[in-house]
Protein backbone atom coordinates (compact mmCIF):
# COMPACT_ATOMS: atom_id res chain seq x y z
CA HIS A 1 -99.73 52.80 101.69
CA GLY A 2 -100.16 56.13 100.73
CA ASN A 3 -99.27 58.87 98.23
CA PRO A 4 -96.08 59.37 96.12
CA PRO A 5 -94.71 63.20 97.46
CA ASP A 6 -95.27 64.16 93.67
CA SER A 7 -98.76 63.27 93.96
CA HIS A 8 -102.31 65.72 93.93
CA LEU A 9 -105.28 64.99 95.45
CA PHE A 10 -108.01 66.44 94.06
CA HIS A 11 -111.28 67.35 96.27
CA PRO A 12 -114.26 69.18 95.61
CA LEU A 13 -114.81 71.94 98.28
CA GLY A 14 -118.04 73.07 99.38
CA PRO A 15 -121.80 72.02 98.65
CA ALA A 16 -122.80 71.26 94.89
CA ARG A 17 -125.21 73.98 93.65
CA ARG A 18 -128.19 73.16 91.30
CA ARG A 19 -128.73 74.86 88.54
CA ARG A 20 -131.34 75.06 85.60
CA ALA A 21 -130.59 74.10 82.42
CA ALA A 22 -132.17 76.26 79.58
CA GLY A 23 -135.36 75.34 77.96
CA ALA A 24 -136.46 72.32 80.40
CA PRO A 25 -137.85 73.76 83.69
CA ARG A 26 -137.46 70.52 85.65
CA ALA A 27 -133.74 69.45 84.71
CA CYS A 28 -131.19 70.67 86.66
CA LYS A 29 -127.22 69.53 86.50
CA GLU A 30 -124.76 69.44 89.83
CA THR A 31 -122.19 71.93 89.70
CA PHE A 32 -119.18 72.11 91.83
CA SER A 33 -115.62 73.55 91.99
CA VAL A 34 -112.45 71.52 92.21
CA PHE A 35 -109.34 73.04 94.36
CA TYR A 36 -105.94 71.22 94.85
CA HIS A 37 -103.44 72.23 97.69
CA GLU A 38 -99.70 70.96 97.52
CA SER A 39 -98.01 69.64 100.39
CA ASP A 40 -94.96 68.25 101.13
CA ALA A 41 -96.15 65.34 103.39
CA ASP A 42 -99.54 63.36 103.90
CA THR A 43 -100.46 65.07 106.98
CA ALA A 44 -104.09 66.27 106.32
CA THR A 45 -106.22 65.87 108.87
CA ALA A 46 -110.43 67.04 109.23
CA THR A 47 -109.21 70.04 110.22
CA SER A 48 -105.94 71.01 109.19
CA PRO A 49 -105.12 72.37 106.33
CA PRO A 50 -108.56 73.94 106.77
CA TRP A 51 -111.45 73.21 104.81
CA MET A 52 -111.98 76.99 102.91
CA GLU A 53 -110.86 78.01 99.73
CA ASN A 54 -107.71 79.50 100.81
CA PRO A 55 -105.28 78.08 101.08
CA TYR A 56 -106.37 75.80 98.08
CA VAL A 57 -105.90 77.06 94.56
CA LYS A 58 -109.41 76.61 92.38
CA VAL A 59 -108.65 74.09 89.12
CA ASP A 60 -112.00 74.33 87.59
CA THR A 61 -115.88 74.31 87.87
CA VAL A 62 -117.40 71.00 86.13
CA ALA A 63 -120.78 71.07 84.90
């Protein structure tokens, strides 16, 4: 099993934030950022690469 060498894995990084929707005081929506990190091998662990914004590249914010 495993991913082909040219594939990418996208993973949300950081906690989701709640944001009030305009005009609806009780309605909230989840937002999160999508980042990616390129690697030549499938060697990720719980500590490597570091789970912080750098060395990842932000793709988009999803709301």
